[in-house]
Amino acid sequence: MLAELEDGLVALVKNAALGQKLVTVAGLPDLDSASLVKRMAAEAPAVYVAPMDFSVADGLAAARFGIACVARNSRGQEAARKGDGKAIGLAQIIDSVLALMDGGKADGVVFYVTGVGFQADEAFYAAGLYVATVAVEATGVALPPALDEDSLALFKTFHADYDIEPHETAAERGKWVGEPPDHSTSAPEVSETNILQP
C-alpha cells in the first residue's frame, strides 16, 4: 500500500509540467542529515516524497505523506524563493505541488493538501537551500490484504552491529551499514554475519 502510494505521488509530479523544471523527483533518500543536505544541494531544484505517521481505524487508513520542495539559492535569496525566469523558485514549486496534490490521484486514491511547513534549518541555509514540505492526506484507504508469505524471497545473509556504551553518533553508525561498510573513523563493538543455507 505505502510503496504504491509513494510511487504514485512521485509519478504525479514527474508527469506534470512541474517535473520538467526539476532536476530530481523521487522518494526521500534515507540518509543521515548531513548526507541528505549534501544530496539535496546536488539535486535541487527537486521534489521528494516521504510517508508520514498516519492513523488506522476500522480497516481504513488515513495515509499521510510529506512532499518536500527544494530550491537552490544560486542567484540570491529572492530568486530562490520566487524564481527568476532561469531557475524555478520555492514559491513556484509549492504552488505547483498544491495544484497537483489537492484532489490529485495516486494509485487510484485521491489526496488532499492539509498544510505547508517551511524548514528553518541552518544546515539548509548554509547549503544555499530553501525547503518547504507540503503535507497531503488520503482518508479511507483500504489496508492491504493478508500477506502471502510464500511470495517473499528468502534472505541469505543476516548482519548485525552492536554498539555497546559509549554509543557512537548516528552519522558514524550510518557509515557502518553501507556497502561496503565504512569503519575508517569508528567501528561497532561487536559485529556478526550469518550466511544462511537454503
N, C-alpha and C. Protein backbone atom coordinates (compact mmCIF):
# COMPACT_ATOMS: atom_id res chain seq x y z
N MET A 1 0.82 -1.20 0.00
CA MET A 1 0.00 0.00 0.00
C MET A 1 0.86 1.26 0.00
N LEU A 2 1.78 1.38 0.99
CA LEU A 2 2.59 2.60 1.10
C LEU A 2 3.52 2.78 -0.09
N ALA A 3 4.16 1.70 -0.52
CA ALA A 3 5.08 1.80 -1.65
C ALA A 3 4.35 2.23 -2.91
N GLU A 4 3.16 1.68 -3.14
CA GLU A 4 2.39 2.03 -4.33
C GLU A 4 1.92 3.48 -4.29
N LEU A 5 1.49 3.94 -3.10
CA LEU A 5 1.06 5.33 -2.97
C LEU A 5 2.23 6.29 -3.18
N GLU A 6 3.39 5.96 -2.59
CA GLU A 6 4.57 6.82 -2.77
C GLU A 6 4.96 6.89 -4.25
N ASP A 7 5.00 5.74 -4.91
CA ASP A 7 5.35 5.71 -6.34
C ASP A 7 4.34 6.52 -7.15
N GLY A 8 3.06 6.43 -6.77
CA GLY A 8 2.02 7.18 -7.48
C GLY A 8 2.18 8.68 -7.32
N LEU A 9 2.54 9.13 -6.12
CA LEU A 9 2.76 10.57 -5.89
C LEU A 9 3.99 11.06 -6.64
N VAL A 10 5.04 10.27 -6.67
CA VAL A 10 6.24 10.63 -7.44
C VAL A 10 5.88 10.76 -8.91
N ALA A 11 5.12 9.79 -9.44
CA ALA A 11 4.73 9.82 -10.86
C ALA A 11 3.84 11.02 -11.16
N LEU A 12 2.99 11.40 -10.21
CA LEU A 12 2.10 12.55 -10.40
C LEU A 12 2.91 13.82 -10.66
N VAL A 13 3.99 14.00 -9.91
CA VAL A 13 4.84 15.18 -10.10
C VAL A 13 5.69 15.04 -11.36
N LYS A 14 6.30 13.86 -11.56
CA LYS A 14 7.18 13.65 -12.72
C LYS A 14 6.45 13.88 -14.04
N ASN A 15 5.20 13.44 -14.11
CA ASN A 15 4.45 13.50 -15.37
C ASN A 15 3.76 14.84 -15.60
N ALA A 16 3.87 15.75 -14.64
CA ALA A 16 3.28 17.08 -14.78
C ALA A 16 4.31 18.03 -15.37
N ALA A 17 3.86 19.22 -15.78
CA ALA A 17 4.78 20.23 -16.30
C ALA A 17 5.86 20.57 -15.28
N LEU A 18 5.51 20.53 -14.00
CA LEU A 18 6.49 20.80 -12.94
C LEU A 18 7.69 19.87 -13.04
N GLY A 19 7.44 18.60 -13.33
CA GLY A 19 8.51 17.61 -13.40
C GLY A 19 9.60 17.98 -14.39
N GLN A 20 9.24 18.71 -15.46
CA GLN A 20 10.21 19.11 -16.48
C GLN A 20 11.12 20.23 -16.00
N LYS A 21 10.72 20.93 -14.93
CA LYS A 21 11.50 22.07 -14.42
C LYS A 21 12.41 21.67 -13.25
N LEU A 22 12.34 20.40 -12.84
CA LEU A 22 13.10 19.93 -11.69
C LEU A 22 14.24 19.02 -12.12
N VAL A 23 15.28 19.00 -11.33
CA VAL A 23 16.39 18.08 -11.58
C VAL A 23 16.02 16.69 -11.07
N THR A 24 15.33 16.64 -9.92
CA THR A 24 15.03 15.36 -9.28
C THR A 24 13.60 15.32 -8.76
N VAL A 25 12.92 14.21 -9.01
CA VAL A 25 11.64 13.89 -8.37
C VAL A 25 11.77 12.44 -7.93
N ALA A 26 11.71 12.19 -6.61
CA ALA A 26 11.97 10.84 -6.11
C ALA A 26 11.44 10.70 -4.69
N GLY A 27 11.52 9.47 -4.16
CA GLY A 27 11.27 9.25 -2.74
C GLY A 27 12.40 9.89 -1.96
N LEU A 28 12.12 10.33 -0.75
CA LEU A 28 13.15 10.98 0.07
C LEU A 28 14.22 9.96 0.43
N PRO A 29 15.50 10.26 0.11
CA PRO A 29 16.56 9.30 0.44
C PRO A 29 16.68 9.11 1.95
N ASP A 30 17.00 7.89 2.36
CA ASP A 30 17.14 7.56 3.78
C ASP A 30 18.61 7.74 4.17
N LEU A 31 18.97 9.00 4.45
CA LEU A 31 20.36 9.33 4.76
C LEU A 31 20.42 10.09 6.07
N ASP A 32 21.61 10.13 6.68
CA ASP A 32 21.74 10.98 7.86
C ASP A 32 21.63 12.44 7.42
N SER A 33 21.40 13.34 8.35
CA SER A 33 21.05 14.72 7.99
C SER A 33 22.12 15.41 7.16
N ALA A 34 23.40 15.23 7.48
CA ALA A 34 24.46 15.90 6.72
C ALA A 34 24.50 15.39 5.28
N SER A 35 24.38 14.08 5.10
CA SER A 35 24.40 13.50 3.75
C SER A 35 23.16 13.90 2.97
N LEU A 36 22.02 14.00 3.66
CA LEU A 36 20.79 14.39 3.00
C LEU A 36 20.89 15.82 2.48
N VAL A 37 21.40 16.73 3.29
CA VAL A 37 21.55 18.12 2.85
C VAL A 37 22.48 18.20 1.66
N LYS A 38 23.58 17.45 1.71
CA LYS A 38 24.55 17.47 0.60
C LYS A 38 23.89 16.94 -0.68
N ARG A 39 23.12 15.87 -0.55
CA ARG A 39 22.46 15.30 -1.74
C ARG A 39 21.40 16.25 -2.29
N MET A 40 20.62 16.88 -1.40
CA MET A 40 19.61 17.84 -1.86
C MET A 40 20.27 19.00 -2.60
N ALA A 41 21.41 19.46 -2.09
CA ALA A 41 22.11 20.57 -2.74
C ALA A 41 22.56 20.18 -4.14
N ALA A 42 22.96 18.93 -4.32
CA ALA A 42 23.42 18.46 -5.63
C ALA A 42 22.25 18.24 -6.59
N GLU A 43 21.06 17.95 -6.05
CA GLU A 43 19.93 17.58 -6.91
C GLU A 43 18.86 18.66 -7.05
N ALA A 44 19.02 19.81 -6.40
CA ALA A 44 18.00 20.86 -6.46
C ALA A 44 18.02 21.55 -7.82
N PRO A 45 16.87 22.09 -8.27
CA PRO A 45 15.57 22.06 -7.60
C PRO A 45 14.97 20.65 -7.67
N ALA A 46 14.26 20.30 -6.62
CA ALA A 46 13.78 18.93 -6.50
C ALA A 46 12.49 18.84 -5.70
N VAL A 47 11.82 17.71 -5.86
CA VAL A 47 10.67 17.34 -5.03
C VAL A 47 10.90 15.91 -4.56
N TYR A 48 10.77 15.70 -3.25
CA TYR A 48 10.92 14.38 -2.66
C TYR A 48 9.63 14.01 -1.94
N VAL A 49 9.27 12.74 -2.01
CA VAL A 49 8.05 12.23 -1.36
C VAL A 49 8.45 11.31 -0.23
N ALA A 50 7.82 11.49 0.95
CA ALA A 50 8.12 10.63 2.10
C ALA A 50 6.85 10.32 2.87
N PRO A 51 6.65 9.07 3.27
CA PRO A 51 5.49 8.74 4.10
C PRO A 51 5.62 9.36 5.49
N MET A 52 4.50 9.68 6.09
CA MET A 52 4.47 10.25 7.45
C MET A 52 3.61 9.36 8.33
N ASP A 53 3.64 9.60 9.63
CA ASP A 53 2.78 8.86 10.55
C ASP A 53 1.33 9.02 10.12
N PHE A 54 0.56 7.94 10.25
CA PHE A 54 -0.86 8.02 9.90
C PHE A 54 -1.69 7.13 10.82
N SER A 55 -2.97 7.40 10.84
CA SER A 55 -3.87 6.65 11.73
C SER A 55 -4.62 5.59 10.93
N VAL A 56 -5.08 4.56 11.66
CA VAL A 56 -5.86 3.47 11.07
C VAL A 56 -7.05 3.21 11.98
N ALA A 57 -8.23 3.08 11.39
CA ALA A 57 -9.44 2.74 12.16
C ALA A 57 -10.38 1.95 11.27
N ASP A 58 -10.93 0.89 11.83
CA ASP A 58 -11.92 0.06 11.13
C ASP A 58 -11.43 -0.43 9.78
N GLY A 59 -10.16 -0.81 9.71
CA GLY A 59 -9.61 -1.36 8.47
C GLY A 59 -9.30 -0.34 7.40
N LEU A 60 -9.38 0.95 7.74
CA LEU A 60 -9.08 2.01 6.78
C LEU A 60 -7.99 2.92 7.32
N ALA A 61 -7.11 3.34 6.43
CA ALA A 61 -6.00 4.21 6.82
C ALA A 61 -6.24 5.63 6.33
N ALA A 62 -5.73 6.59 7.09
CA ALA A 62 -5.66 7.97 6.63
C ALA A 62 -4.20 8.18 6.24
N ALA A 63 -3.86 7.80 5.02
CA ALA A 63 -2.46 7.80 4.57
C ALA A 63 -1.96 9.23 4.43
N ARG A 64 -0.80 9.52 5.05
CA ARG A 64 -0.23 10.87 5.02
C ARG A 64 1.17 10.83 4.44
N PHE A 65 1.47 11.82 3.60
CA PHE A 65 2.80 11.94 3.00
C PHE A 65 3.25 13.39 3.09
N GLY A 66 4.56 13.58 3.12
CA GLY A 66 5.15 14.91 3.03
C GLY A 66 5.80 15.05 1.67
N ILE A 67 5.50 16.14 0.99
CA ILE A 67 6.10 16.41 -0.32
C ILE A 67 7.12 17.53 -0.10
N ALA A 68 8.40 17.17 -0.01
CA ALA A 68 9.45 18.16 0.25
C ALA A 68 9.80 18.89 -1.04
N CYS A 69 9.70 20.21 -1.01
CA CYS A 69 10.00 21.06 -2.16
C CYS A 69 11.33 21.76 -1.87
N VAL A 70 12.29 21.64 -2.79
CA VAL A 70 13.64 22.16 -2.55
C VAL A 70 14.05 23.07 -3.70
N ALA A 71 14.49 24.30 -3.35
CA ALA A 71 15.03 25.24 -4.34
C ALA A 71 16.42 25.64 -3.93
N ARG A 72 17.26 25.99 -4.91
CA ARG A 72 18.65 26.35 -4.64
C ARG A 72 18.82 27.86 -4.72
N ASN A 73 19.63 28.38 -3.81
CA ASN A 73 19.95 29.80 -3.77
C ASN A 73 21.22 30.03 -4.58
N SER A 74 21.10 29.94 -5.92
CA SER A 74 22.30 30.12 -6.75
C SER A 74 22.43 31.55 -7.26
N ARG A 75 21.33 32.29 -7.29
CA ARG A 75 21.37 33.68 -7.76
C ARG A 75 20.71 34.62 -6.76
N GLY A 76 20.85 34.30 -5.48
CA GLY A 76 20.31 35.15 -4.44
C GLY A 76 19.03 34.59 -3.85
N GLN A 77 18.71 35.06 -2.63
CA GLN A 77 17.55 34.52 -1.92
C GLN A 77 16.23 34.86 -2.60
N GLU A 78 16.15 36.03 -3.22
CA GLU A 78 14.91 36.41 -3.92
C GLU A 78 14.60 35.44 -5.05
N ALA A 79 15.63 35.09 -5.84
CA ALA A 79 15.45 34.14 -6.94
C ALA A 79 15.12 32.76 -6.40
N ALA A 80 15.76 32.37 -5.30
CA ALA A 80 15.49 31.05 -4.73
C ALA A 80 14.06 30.94 -4.23
N ARG A 81 13.55 32.03 -3.66
CA ARG A 81 12.19 31.97 -3.14
C ARG A 81 11.13 32.15 -4.23
N LYS A 82 11.37 33.04 -5.20
CA LYS A 82 10.33 33.38 -6.18
C LYS A 82 10.62 32.94 -7.60
N GLY A 83 11.84 32.49 -7.87
CA GLY A 83 12.22 32.15 -9.24
C GLY A 83 12.67 33.41 -9.97
N ASP A 84 13.45 33.23 -11.02
CA ASP A 84 13.94 34.39 -11.75
C ASP A 84 13.86 34.23 -13.26
N GLY A 85 13.08 33.27 -13.74
CA GLY A 85 12.97 33.03 -15.17
C GLY A 85 14.04 32.09 -15.69
N LYS A 86 15.08 31.86 -14.91
CA LYS A 86 16.13 30.91 -15.30
C LYS A 86 16.01 29.61 -14.50
N ALA A 87 15.70 29.75 -13.23
CA ALA A 87 15.51 28.57 -12.37
C ALA A 87 14.21 28.77 -11.60
N ILE A 88 13.52 27.67 -11.36
CA ILE A 88 12.25 27.71 -10.63
C ILE A 88 12.52 28.01 -9.16
N GLY A 89 11.67 28.82 -8.54
CA GLY A 89 11.82 29.18 -7.14
C GLY A 89 10.94 28.33 -6.24
N LEU A 90 11.20 28.41 -4.94
CA LEU A 90 10.46 27.61 -3.97
C LEU A 90 8.96 27.89 -4.03
N ALA A 91 8.58 29.16 -4.12
CA ALA A 91 7.15 29.51 -4.17
C ALA A 91 6.47 28.88 -5.38
N GLN A 92 7.17 28.87 -6.53
CA GLN A 92 6.59 28.27 -7.73
C GLN A 92 6.45 26.75 -7.59
N ILE A 93 7.44 26.13 -6.95
CA ILE A 93 7.35 24.67 -6.74
C ILE A 93 6.17 24.36 -5.82
N ILE A 94 6.07 25.13 -4.73
CA ILE A 94 4.96 24.90 -3.78
C ILE A 94 3.62 25.09 -4.47
N ASP A 95 3.46 26.19 -5.23
CA ASP A 95 2.19 26.45 -5.93
C ASP A 95 1.82 25.28 -6.84
N SER A 96 2.80 24.77 -7.57
CA SER A 96 2.54 23.65 -8.49
C SER A 96 2.16 22.39 -7.73
N VAL A 97 2.89 22.11 -6.64
CA VAL A 97 2.58 20.92 -5.85
C VAL A 97 1.19 21.03 -5.22
N LEU A 98 0.83 22.22 -4.73
CA LEU A 98 -0.51 22.41 -4.17
C LEU A 98 -1.58 22.10 -5.22
N ALA A 99 -1.39 22.61 -6.43
CA ALA A 99 -2.38 22.39 -7.50
C ALA A 99 -2.46 20.93 -7.89
N LEU A 100 -1.30 20.26 -7.93
CA LEU A 100 -1.28 18.84 -8.31
C LEU A 100 -1.88 17.93 -7.25
N MET A 101 -1.55 18.22 -5.99
CA MET A 101 -1.89 17.29 -4.91
C MET A 101 -3.30 17.46 -4.36
N ASP A 102 -3.85 18.65 -4.38
CA ASP A 102 -5.17 18.86 -3.80
C ASP A 102 -6.23 18.32 -4.76
N GLY A 103 -6.66 17.10 -4.51
CA GLY A 103 -7.59 16.42 -5.41
C GLY A 103 -6.87 15.53 -6.41
N GLY A 104 -5.55 15.43 -6.29
CA GLY A 104 -4.77 14.58 -7.20
C GLY A 104 -4.90 13.11 -6.84
N LYS A 105 -4.75 12.25 -7.85
CA LYS A 105 -4.86 10.81 -7.64
C LYS A 105 -3.52 10.12 -7.75
N ALA A 106 -3.28 9.20 -6.83
CA ALA A 106 -2.09 8.35 -6.86
C ALA A 106 -2.53 6.93 -6.55
N ASP A 107 -2.24 6.01 -7.44
CA ASP A 107 -2.64 4.62 -7.27
C ASP A 107 -4.15 4.50 -7.02
N GLY A 108 -4.92 5.35 -7.71
CA GLY A 108 -6.38 5.31 -7.60
C GLY A 108 -6.95 5.94 -6.35
N VAL A 109 -6.09 6.56 -5.53
CA VAL A 109 -6.51 7.18 -4.27
C VAL A 109 -6.43 8.69 -4.41
N VAL A 110 -7.45 9.40 -3.93
CA VAL A 110 -7.49 10.86 -4.03
C VAL A 110 -6.85 11.48 -2.78
N PHE A 111 -5.91 12.38 -3.00
CA PHE A 111 -5.20 13.08 -1.91
C PHE A 111 -5.67 14.52 -1.81
N TYR A 112 -5.56 15.06 -0.59
CA TYR A 112 -5.87 16.46 -0.35
C TYR A 112 -4.75 17.08 0.48
N VAL A 113 -4.47 18.35 0.23
CA VAL A 113 -3.44 19.05 0.98
C VAL A 113 -3.97 19.42 2.36
N THR A 114 -3.15 19.20 3.40
CA THR A 114 -3.57 19.54 4.76
C THR A 114 -2.71 20.64 5.38
N GLY A 115 -1.61 21.02 4.72
CA GLY A 115 -0.79 22.09 5.28
C GLY A 115 0.53 22.24 4.55
N VAL A 116 1.22 23.33 4.85
CA VAL A 116 2.55 23.60 4.30
C VAL A 116 3.43 24.06 5.45
N GLY A 117 4.63 23.49 5.54
CA GLY A 117 5.57 23.88 6.59
C GLY A 117 6.90 24.27 5.98
N PHE A 118 7.48 25.38 6.44
CA PHE A 118 8.77 25.84 5.94
C PHE A 118 9.86 25.37 6.89
N GLN A 119 10.93 24.82 6.33
CA GLN A 119 12.02 24.26 7.12
C GLN A 119 13.07 25.34 7.40
N ALA A 120 13.08 25.86 8.61
CA ALA A 120 14.05 26.88 9.01
C ALA A 120 15.21 26.18 9.68
N ASP A 121 16.11 25.65 8.87
CA ASP A 121 17.24 24.87 9.38
C ASP A 121 18.53 25.48 8.87
N GLU A 122 19.45 25.75 9.79
CA GLU A 122 20.73 26.37 9.41
C GLU A 122 21.50 25.53 8.41
N ALA A 123 21.38 24.21 8.50
CA ALA A 123 22.10 23.33 7.57
C ALA A 123 21.63 23.56 6.14
N PHE A 124 20.31 23.77 5.96
CA PHE A 124 19.79 24.05 4.62
C PHE A 124 20.29 25.41 4.13
N TYR A 125 20.19 26.41 4.99
CA TYR A 125 20.63 27.75 4.59
C TYR A 125 22.11 27.77 4.25
N ALA A 126 22.92 27.07 5.03
CA ALA A 126 24.36 27.02 4.78
C ALA A 126 24.67 26.38 3.44
N ALA A 127 23.81 25.45 3.01
CA ALA A 127 23.99 24.79 1.72
C ALA A 127 23.32 25.56 0.58
N GLY A 128 22.72 26.73 0.89
CA GLY A 128 22.06 27.53 -0.14
C GLY A 128 20.72 26.97 -0.57
N LEU A 129 20.03 26.28 0.35
CA LEU A 129 18.75 25.65 0.01
C LEU A 129 17.59 26.31 0.73
N TYR A 130 16.45 26.36 0.05
CA TYR A 130 15.18 26.74 0.66
C TYR A 130 14.27 25.53 0.54
N VAL A 131 13.70 25.10 1.67
CA VAL A 131 12.93 23.85 1.70
C VAL A 131 11.60 24.07 2.40
N ALA A 132 10.55 23.50 1.82
CA ALA A 132 9.23 23.50 2.45
C ALA A 132 8.60 22.13 2.22
N THR A 133 7.71 21.74 3.12
CA THR A 133 7.03 20.45 2.99
C THR A 133 5.53 20.67 2.88
N VAL A 134 4.95 20.13 1.83
CA VAL A 134 3.51 20.15 1.64
C VAL A 134 2.96 18.83 2.19
N ALA A 135 2.11 18.90 3.21
CA ALA A 135 1.52 17.69 3.80
C ALA A 135 0.25 17.33 3.05
N VAL A 136 0.14 16.06 2.65
CA VAL A 136 -1.05 15.60 1.94
C VAL A 136 -1.60 14.37 2.65
N GLU A 137 -2.89 14.15 2.48
CA GLU A 137 -3.55 13.03 3.16
C GLU A 137 -4.65 12.45 2.28
N ALA A 138 -4.81 11.15 2.36
CA ALA A 138 -5.92 10.46 1.71
C ALA A 138 -6.61 9.64 2.77
N THR A 139 -7.90 9.86 2.98
CA THR A 139 -8.63 9.11 4.01
C THR A 139 -9.37 7.94 3.37
N GLY A 140 -9.70 6.97 4.20
CA GLY A 140 -10.47 5.83 3.73
C GLY A 140 -9.69 4.90 2.81
N VAL A 141 -8.38 4.82 2.99
CA VAL A 141 -7.56 3.94 2.16
C VAL A 141 -7.62 2.52 2.74
N ALA A 142 -8.05 1.57 1.93
CA ALA A 142 -8.16 0.19 2.39
C ALA A 142 -6.80 -0.38 2.72
N LEU A 143 -6.72 -1.08 3.84
CA LEU A 143 -5.47 -1.74 4.22
C LEU A 143 -5.18 -2.88 3.24
N PRO A 144 -3.91 -3.23 3.07
CA PRO A 144 -3.59 -4.32 2.15
C PRO A 144 -4.13 -5.64 2.67
N PRO A 145 -4.35 -6.60 1.77
CA PRO A 145 -4.83 -7.92 2.21
C PRO A 145 -3.74 -8.63 3.01
N ALA A 146 -4.11 -9.75 3.60
CA ALA A 146 -3.15 -10.52 4.38
C ALA A 146 -1.94 -10.85 3.52
N LEU A 147 -0.77 -10.81 4.11
CA LEU A 147 0.48 -11.03 3.40
C LEU A 147 0.61 -12.49 3.00
N ASP A 148 0.94 -12.70 1.72
CA ASP A 148 1.23 -14.04 1.23
C ASP A 148 2.71 -14.31 1.48
N GLU A 149 3.01 -14.99 2.56
CA GLU A 149 4.41 -15.20 2.94
C GLU A 149 5.17 -16.03 1.92
N ASP A 150 4.46 -16.83 1.10
CA ASP A 150 5.14 -17.62 0.07
C ASP A 150 5.72 -16.74 -1.02
N SER A 151 5.21 -15.49 -1.14
CA SER A 151 5.71 -14.60 -2.19
C SER A 151 6.97 -13.85 -1.77
N LEU A 152 7.36 -13.97 -0.50
CA LEU A 152 8.55 -13.28 -0.02
C LEU A 152 9.81 -14.07 -0.35
N ALA A 153 10.82 -13.37 -0.83
CA ALA A 153 12.09 -14.03 -1.10
C ALA A 153 12.80 -14.33 0.22
N LEU A 154 13.51 -15.43 0.26
CA LEU A 154 14.27 -15.78 1.45
C LEU A 154 15.53 -14.94 1.50
N PHE A 155 15.89 -14.46 2.69
CA PHE A 155 17.15 -13.74 2.80
C PHE A 155 18.24 -14.75 3.11
N LYS A 156 19.43 -14.48 2.58
CA LYS A 156 20.53 -15.43 2.72
C LYS A 156 21.59 -14.96 3.71
N THR A 157 21.62 -13.66 3.96
CA THR A 157 22.64 -13.12 4.87
C THR A 157 21.97 -12.25 5.91
N PHE A 158 22.33 -12.46 7.16
CA PHE A 158 21.89 -11.61 8.25
C PHE A 158 23.12 -10.97 8.86
N HIS A 159 23.10 -9.64 8.98
CA HIS A 159 24.24 -8.93 9.55
C HIS A 159 23.73 -8.00 10.64
N ALA A 160 24.43 -7.97 11.78
CA ALA A 160 24.05 -7.08 12.88
C ALA A 160 25.28 -6.42 13.46
N ASP A 161 25.15 -5.14 13.83
CA ASP A 161 26.21 -4.41 14.52
C ASP A 161 25.71 -4.06 15.90
N TYR A 162 26.53 -4.28 16.91
CA TYR A 162 26.16 -3.97 18.28
C TYR A 162 27.08 -2.86 18.78
N ASP A 163 26.51 -1.78 19.24
CA ASP A 163 27.29 -0.64 19.73
C ASP A 163 27.07 -0.53 21.22
N ILE A 164 28.00 -1.04 22.00
CA ILE A 164 27.90 -1.02 23.46
C ILE A 164 28.44 0.31 23.96
N GLU A 165 28.00 0.77 25.13
CA GLU A 165 28.45 2.06 25.69
C GLU A 165 29.96 2.22 25.58
N PRO A 166 30.52 3.40 25.25
CA PRO A 166 29.76 4.59 24.86
C PRO A 166 29.29 4.50 23.41
N HIS A 167 28.07 4.95 23.15
CA HIS A 167 27.48 4.85 21.82
C HIS A 167 28.10 5.85 20.86
N GLU A 168 28.23 5.44 19.62
CA GLU A 168 28.68 6.34 18.55
C GLU A 168 27.50 7.18 18.07
N THR A 169 27.78 8.22 17.33
CA THR A 169 26.73 9.10 16.80
C THR A 169 25.99 8.39 15.67
N ALA A 170 24.81 8.91 15.33
CA ALA A 170 24.02 8.34 14.23
C ALA A 170 24.79 8.43 12.92
N ALA A 171 25.54 9.49 12.73
CA ALA A 171 26.32 9.65 11.50
C ALA A 171 27.36 8.53 11.38
N GLU A 172 28.03 8.21 12.49
CA GLU A 172 29.02 7.14 12.47
C GLU A 172 28.36 5.79 12.22
N ARG A 173 27.23 5.53 12.91
CA ARG A 173 26.54 4.24 12.70
C ARG A 173 26.04 4.13 11.26
N GLY A 174 25.67 5.27 10.66
CA GLY A 174 25.23 5.26 9.26
C GLY A 174 26.31 4.77 8.32
N LYS A 175 27.56 5.04 8.66
CA LYS A 175 28.68 4.58 7.82
C LYS A 175 28.80 3.06 7.85
N TRP A 176 28.43 2.44 8.96
CA TRP A 176 28.61 1.01 9.11
C TRP A 176 27.68 0.19 8.22
N VAL A 177 26.52 0.75 7.86
CA VAL A 177 25.53 -0.02 7.10
C VAL A 177 25.70 0.11 5.60
N GLY A 178 26.73 0.85 5.14
CA GLY A 178 26.97 0.99 3.71
C GLY A 178 27.46 -0.31 3.11
N GLU A 179 27.49 -0.34 1.81
CA GLU A 179 28.04 -1.49 1.09
C GLU A 179 29.21 -1.03 0.28
N PRO A 180 30.44 -1.27 0.65
CA PRO A 180 30.88 -1.95 1.88
C PRO A 180 30.82 -1.01 3.07
N PRO A 181 30.82 -1.55 4.29
CA PRO A 181 30.77 -0.70 5.48
C PRO A 181 32.03 0.16 5.59
N ASP A 182 31.87 1.36 6.16
CA ASP A 182 32.98 2.28 6.35
C ASP A 182 33.35 2.29 7.83
N HIS A 183 34.48 1.69 8.16
CA HIS A 183 34.96 1.66 9.54
C HIS A 183 36.22 2.52 9.69
N SER A 184 36.37 3.55 8.84
CA SER A 184 37.59 4.36 8.84
C SER A 184 37.74 5.21 10.09
N THR A 185 36.62 5.68 10.67
CA THR A 185 36.72 6.53 11.85
C THR A 185 36.13 5.91 13.11
N SER A 186 35.35 4.84 12.96
CA SER A 186 34.78 4.13 14.10
C SER A 186 34.34 2.76 13.64
N ALA A 187 34.06 1.89 14.60
CA ALA A 187 33.60 0.54 14.28
C ALA A 187 32.69 0.07 15.40
N PRO A 188 31.74 -0.83 15.08
CA PRO A 188 30.88 -1.35 16.14
C PRO A 188 31.68 -2.18 17.14
N GLU A 189 31.19 -2.23 18.36
CA GLU A 189 31.84 -3.02 19.41
C GLU A 189 31.91 -4.49 19.02
N VAL A 190 30.79 -5.00 18.48
CA VAL A 190 30.70 -6.39 18.06
C VAL A 190 29.99 -6.40 16.71
N SER A 191 30.41 -7.27 15.82
CA SER A 191 29.79 -7.40 14.51
C SER A 191 29.58 -8.87 14.22
N GLU A 192 28.44 -9.20 13.62
CA GLU A 192 28.16 -10.62 13.35
C GLU A 192 27.49 -10.75 12.00
N THR A 193 27.92 -11.71 11.20
CA THR A 193 27.31 -12.00 9.92
C THR A 193 27.04 -13.49 9.85
N ASN A 194 25.82 -13.87 9.51
CA ASN A 194 25.44 -15.27 9.34
C ASN A 194 25.04 -15.51 7.89
N ILE A 195 25.62 -16.50 7.26
CA ILE A 195 25.23 -16.90 5.91
C ILE A 195 24.28 -18.09 6.07
N LEU A 196 23.04 -17.92 5.63
CA LEU A 196 22.04 -18.97 5.77
C LEU A 196 22.11 -19.92 4.61
N GLN A 197 21.97 -21.20 4.90
CA GLN A 197 21.97 -22.21 3.86
C GLN A 197 20.53 -22.47 3.41
N PRO A 198 20.27 -22.52 2.08
CA PRO A 198 18.90 -22.75 1.61
C PRO A 198 18.42 -24.15 1.95
